[in-house]
Amino acid sequence: MERIAAARCFRGMEVKARSSVKPSGSYVGNPGPDSGIEPRAYAERPIDAGADIGHVHLKAADLERIKAFYVGILGFGVMVELPGALFLGAGGYHHTLGFNTWESKDGAPPPPGATGLYHVAIRYPTRASLGDALRRLRDASWPIDGFNDHGTHEAIYLRDSEENGLELCWDRPPEEWARDAEGHLTFANRRLDLAGLLREGLEESEP
């Protein structure tokens, strides 16, 4: 996906905040075996259905630069800060993201063609909260790589302040996930309703 400037994407899409936004919870859990969603292949000894990614811990070059993006723009809270390490979370969780400079202070991102992390996905609990994230990026004129509606979830793709791949996403309810006759998931590749997402949870500006 071609990288595009946020300012160009968001031009003419001004919105006004509601006076109050209903708070929402955080993690809603995996759909579980009763959802009717069937893996295309099973492990001989399947993992517990409730297993999930608890947090991602990344090497960093500059923790102040990390903090300016994840705290200053996206709004994460600083849960723990140590010499050479930073732990960020939301909703009181101990940490969703960890960063350290123990072996990487002032280092460079991995070169193209290297193996490793493709992106980290930050899942928002509601479409309105994803819309809020999009407005934060717009207000900061942060560059966006692309957008997609996968059917199962809506996604915004970008890179953080140290060129780590990042996906901001919201899951549709599992009963809305497209699947074939055997219950296997099928991903879509639809154009994201960007204007609608920007308005989600807000009132449109008066003409």
Protein backbone atom coordinates (compact mmCIF):
# COMPACT_ATOMS: atom_id res chain seq x y z
CA MET A 1 0.00 0.00 0.00
CA GLU A 2 1.37 3.39 -0.96
CA ARG A 3 2.13 5.62 1.98
CA ILE A 4 -0.16 8.64 2.06
CA ALA A 5 -0.06 11.79 4.15
CA ALA A 6 -2.73 11.97 6.83
CA ALA A 7 -3.38 15.62 6.09
CA ARG A 8 -4.33 14.78 2.50
CA CYS A 9 -6.58 11.88 3.55
CA PHE A 10 -8.43 13.89 6.15
CA ARG A 11 -8.87 17.18 4.33
CA GLY A 12 -12.44 18.43 4.54
CA MET A 13 -13.48 15.85 7.15
CA GLU A 14 -13.91 18.08 10.20
CA VAL A 15 -16.09 16.72 12.98
CA LYS A 16 -17.37 17.87 16.37
CA ALA A 17 -17.16 15.81 19.57
CA ARG A 18 -20.24 14.85 21.53
CA SER A 19 -20.52 16.25 25.01
CA SER A 20 -20.11 12.76 26.50
CA VAL A 21 -18.83 9.43 25.24
CA LYS A 22 -19.94 6.23 26.98
CA PRO A 23 -16.91 4.41 28.40
CA SER A 24 -16.20 0.95 27.11
CA GLY A 25 -14.41 -2.11 28.40
CA SER A 26 -11.24 -3.61 27.05
CA TYR A 27 -10.67 -7.20 25.98
CA VAL A 28 -13.83 -9.08 25.01
CA GLY A 29 -12.34 -12.56 24.64
CA ASN A 30 -11.99 -15.07 21.82
CA PRO A 31 -15.26 -16.22 20.19
CA GLY A 32 -14.77 -19.72 21.62
CA PRO A 33 -15.73 -23.18 20.37
CA ASP A 34 -19.46 -22.44 20.40
CA SER A 35 -19.07 -19.75 17.72
CA GLY A 36 -19.11 -22.27 14.89
CA ILE A 37 -15.82 -20.91 13.48
CA GLU A 38 -13.67 -23.85 12.40
CA PRO A 39 -9.86 -23.69 11.95
CA ARG A 40 -8.62 -24.98 8.63
CA ALA A 41 -6.21 -27.22 10.53
CA TYR A 42 -6.10 -28.37 14.14
CA ALA A 43 -3.05 -28.99 16.30
CA GLU A 44 -2.69 -32.51 17.65
CA ARG A 45 -2.84 -30.96 21.13
CA PRO A 46 -4.88 -27.73 20.73
CA ILE A 47 -4.01 -24.70 22.81
CA ASP A 48 -6.55 -23.45 25.36
CA ALA A 49 -9.25 -21.49 23.47
CA GLY A 50 -8.72 -18.50 25.76
CA ALA A 51 -5.03 -18.03 24.92
CA ASP A 52 -4.21 -14.59 23.56
CA ILE A 53 -1.31 -12.19 23.01
CA GLY A 54 -0.85 -10.45 26.36
CA HIS A 55 1.67 -7.83 25.29
CA VAL A 56 4.36 -7.02 22.75
CA HIS A 57 7.83 -5.94 23.88
CA LEU A 58 10.00 -4.16 21.30
CA LYS A 59 13.57 -2.95 21.11
CA ALA A 60 13.72 0.84 20.78
CA ALA A 61 16.26 3.50 19.90
CA ASP A 62 14.74 6.47 21.76
CA LEU A 63 12.14 6.07 24.52
CA GLU A 64 11.18 9.77 24.49
CA ARG A 65 10.33 9.44 20.82
CA ILE A 66 8.30 6.33 21.60
CA LYS A 67 6.48 8.12 24.41
CA ALA A 68 5.67 11.12 22.21
CA PHE A 69 3.83 8.86 19.76
CA TYR A 70 2.17 6.19 21.91
CA VAL A 71 1.31 8.46 24.84
CA GLY A 72 1.16 11.90 23.23
CA ILE A 73 -0.83 10.87 20.13
CA LEU A 74 -2.50 7.49 20.72
CA GLY A 75 -3.15 8.15 24.40
CA PHE A 76 -1.68 5.10 26.16
CA GLY A 77 -0.84 5.48 29.83
CA VAL A 78 2.66 5.02 31.24
CA MET A 79 2.26 2.08 33.63
CA VAL A 80 5.92 1.60 34.58
CA GLU A 81 9.01 3.55 33.57
CA LEU A 82 12.49 2.27 34.36
CA PRO A 83 15.99 3.24 33.23
CA GLY A 84 16.04 2.09 29.62
CA ALA A 85 12.50 0.65 29.62
CA LEU A 86 8.93 1.86 29.19
CA PHE A 87 5.68 -0.08 29.74
CA LEU A 88 2.40 1.28 28.38
CA GLY A 89 -1.18 0.18 28.95
CA ALA A 90 -4.86 1.12 28.74
CA GLY A 91 -7.76 0.64 31.14
CA GLY A 92 -5.54 -0.31 34.09
CA TYR A 93 -3.90 -3.31 32.36
CA HIS A 94 -0.30 -3.78 33.53
CA HIS A 95 1.06 -3.29 30.02
CA THR A 96 0.05 -3.88 26.44
CA LEU A 97 3.29 -2.57 24.95
CA GLY A 98 6.83 -2.66 26.30
CA PHE A 99 9.90 -0.92 24.89
CA ASN A 100 13.53 -1.03 25.94
CA THR A 101 16.88 0.37 24.82
CA TRP A 102 19.02 -2.21 26.64
CA GLU A 103 20.65 -3.41 23.41
CA SER A 104 19.33 -0.92 20.88
CA LYS A 105 19.80 2.66 22.11
CA ASP A 106 20.22 5.00 19.10
CA GLY A 107 19.92 1.97 16.82
CA ALA A 108 18.41 1.78 13.33
CA PRO A 109 15.28 -0.08 12.12
CA PRO A 110 15.80 -3.50 10.47
CA PRO A 111 16.70 -3.13 6.78
CA PRO A 112 14.20 -4.10 4.06
CA GLY A 113 14.28 -7.82 3.39
CA ALA A 114 15.02 -8.77 7.00
CA THR A 115 12.85 -11.26 8.86
CA GLY A 116 11.02 -10.39 12.06
CA LEU A 117 7.99 -8.38 13.06
CA TYR A 118 5.65 -7.26 10.25
CA HIS A 119 3.31 -5.24 12.42
CA VAL A 120 1.72 -5.04 15.85
CA ALA A 121 -2.09 -4.84 15.90
CA ILE A 122 -3.70 -2.67 18.58
CA ARG A 123 -7.33 -3.73 18.91
CA TYR A 124 -9.88 -1.12 19.99
CA PRO A 125 -13.03 -2.26 21.84
CA THR A 126 -15.50 -0.25 19.73
CA ARG A 127 -15.67 1.29 16.27
CA ALA A 128 -16.03 4.67 17.98
CA SER A 129 -12.72 4.22 19.78
CA LEU A 130 -11.02 3.31 16.49
CA GLY A 131 -12.56 6.46 15.02
CA ASP A 132 -11.04 8.42 17.91
CA ALA A 133 -7.62 6.93 17.08
CA LEU A 134 -8.03 7.97 13.46
CA ARG A 135 -8.90 11.52 14.50
CA ARG A 136 -5.82 11.63 16.74
CA LEU A 137 -3.64 10.68 13.76
CA ARG A 138 -5.38 13.27 11.59
CA ASP A 139 -4.87 16.00 14.18
CA ALA A 140 -1.16 15.11 14.44
CA SER A 141 -0.82 14.93 10.62
CA TRP A 142 0.67 11.47 11.12
CA PRO A 143 1.46 9.56 7.88
CA ILE A 144 -0.81 6.61 7.11
CA ASP A 145 0.21 3.63 4.98
CA GLY A 146 -3.31 2.46 4.16
CA PHE A 147 -6.78 1.36 5.25
CA ASN A 148 -8.77 -1.84 4.76
CA ASP A 149 -12.07 -3.44 5.67
CA HIS A 150 -11.31 -7.15 6.04
CA GLY A 151 -14.89 -8.10 6.85
CA THR A 152 -13.83 -9.53 10.20
CA HIS A 153 -12.26 -6.22 11.21
CA GLU A 154 -11.52 -2.69 10.03
CA ALA A 155 -7.87 -1.70 9.95
CA ILE A 156 -5.63 1.36 9.71
CA TYR A 157 -2.00 0.72 8.77
CA LEU A 158 0.89 3.01 9.67
CA ARG A 159 4.38 3.08 11.15
CA ASP A 160 5.26 4.35 14.59
CA SER A 161 7.98 6.85 15.47
CA GLU A 162 10.68 4.20 14.96
CA GLU A 163 9.29 2.68 11.75
CA ASN A 164 7.69 -0.34 13.42
CA GLY A 165 4.67 -1.57 11.46
CA LEU A 166 1.44 -0.83 13.30
CA GLU A 167 -2.20 -1.78 12.71
CA LEU A 168 -5.03 -0.08 14.58
CA CYS A 169 -8.18 -2.18 14.31
CA TRP A 170 -11.71 -2.91 15.52
CA ASP A 171 -13.25 -6.39 15.36
CA ARG A 172 -16.79 -6.81 14.13
CA PRO A 173 -18.92 -9.16 16.27
CA PRO A 174 -17.95 -12.78 15.45
CA GLU A 175 -21.45 -13.54 14.18
CA GLU A 176 -20.79 -11.04 11.35
CA TRP A 177 -17.54 -12.69 10.23
CA ALA A 178 -17.92 -14.19 6.76
CA ARG A 179 -17.32 -17.92 6.54
CA ASP A 180 -17.81 -20.71 4.06
CA ALA A 181 -20.19 -23.67 4.31
CA GLU A 182 -17.71 -25.55 6.49
CA GLY A 183 -17.37 -22.68 8.96
CA HIS A 184 -13.94 -21.53 7.76
CA LEU A 185 -13.23 -17.80 7.88
CA THR A 186 -12.95 -15.85 4.64
CA PHE A 187 -11.23 -12.46 4.62
CA ALA A 188 -12.53 -9.62 2.51
CA ASN A 189 -10.51 -6.85 0.90
CA ARG A 190 -12.96 -3.97 0.86
CA ARG A 191 -12.48 -0.24 0.79
CA LEU A 192 -12.75 1.18 4.31
CA ASP A 193 -15.43 3.82 4.87
CA LEU A 194 -12.89 6.37 6.05
CA ALA A 195 -15.30 9.30 6.29
CA GLY A 196 -17.77 7.20 8.26
CA LEU A 197 -15.04 6.00 10.63
CA LEU A 198 -13.95 9.57 11.27
CA ARG A 199 -17.53 10.45 12.25
CA GLU A 200 -18.04 7.37 14.40
CA GLY A 201 -18.89 8.43 17.94
CA LEU A 202 -19.15 12.09 16.95
CA GLU A 203 -21.70 14.52 15.61
CA GLU A 204 -21.09 16.05 12.20
CA SER A 205 -20.15 19.71 12.18
CA GLU A 206 -22.89 22.20 11.64
CA PRO A 207 -23.00 23.45 8.02
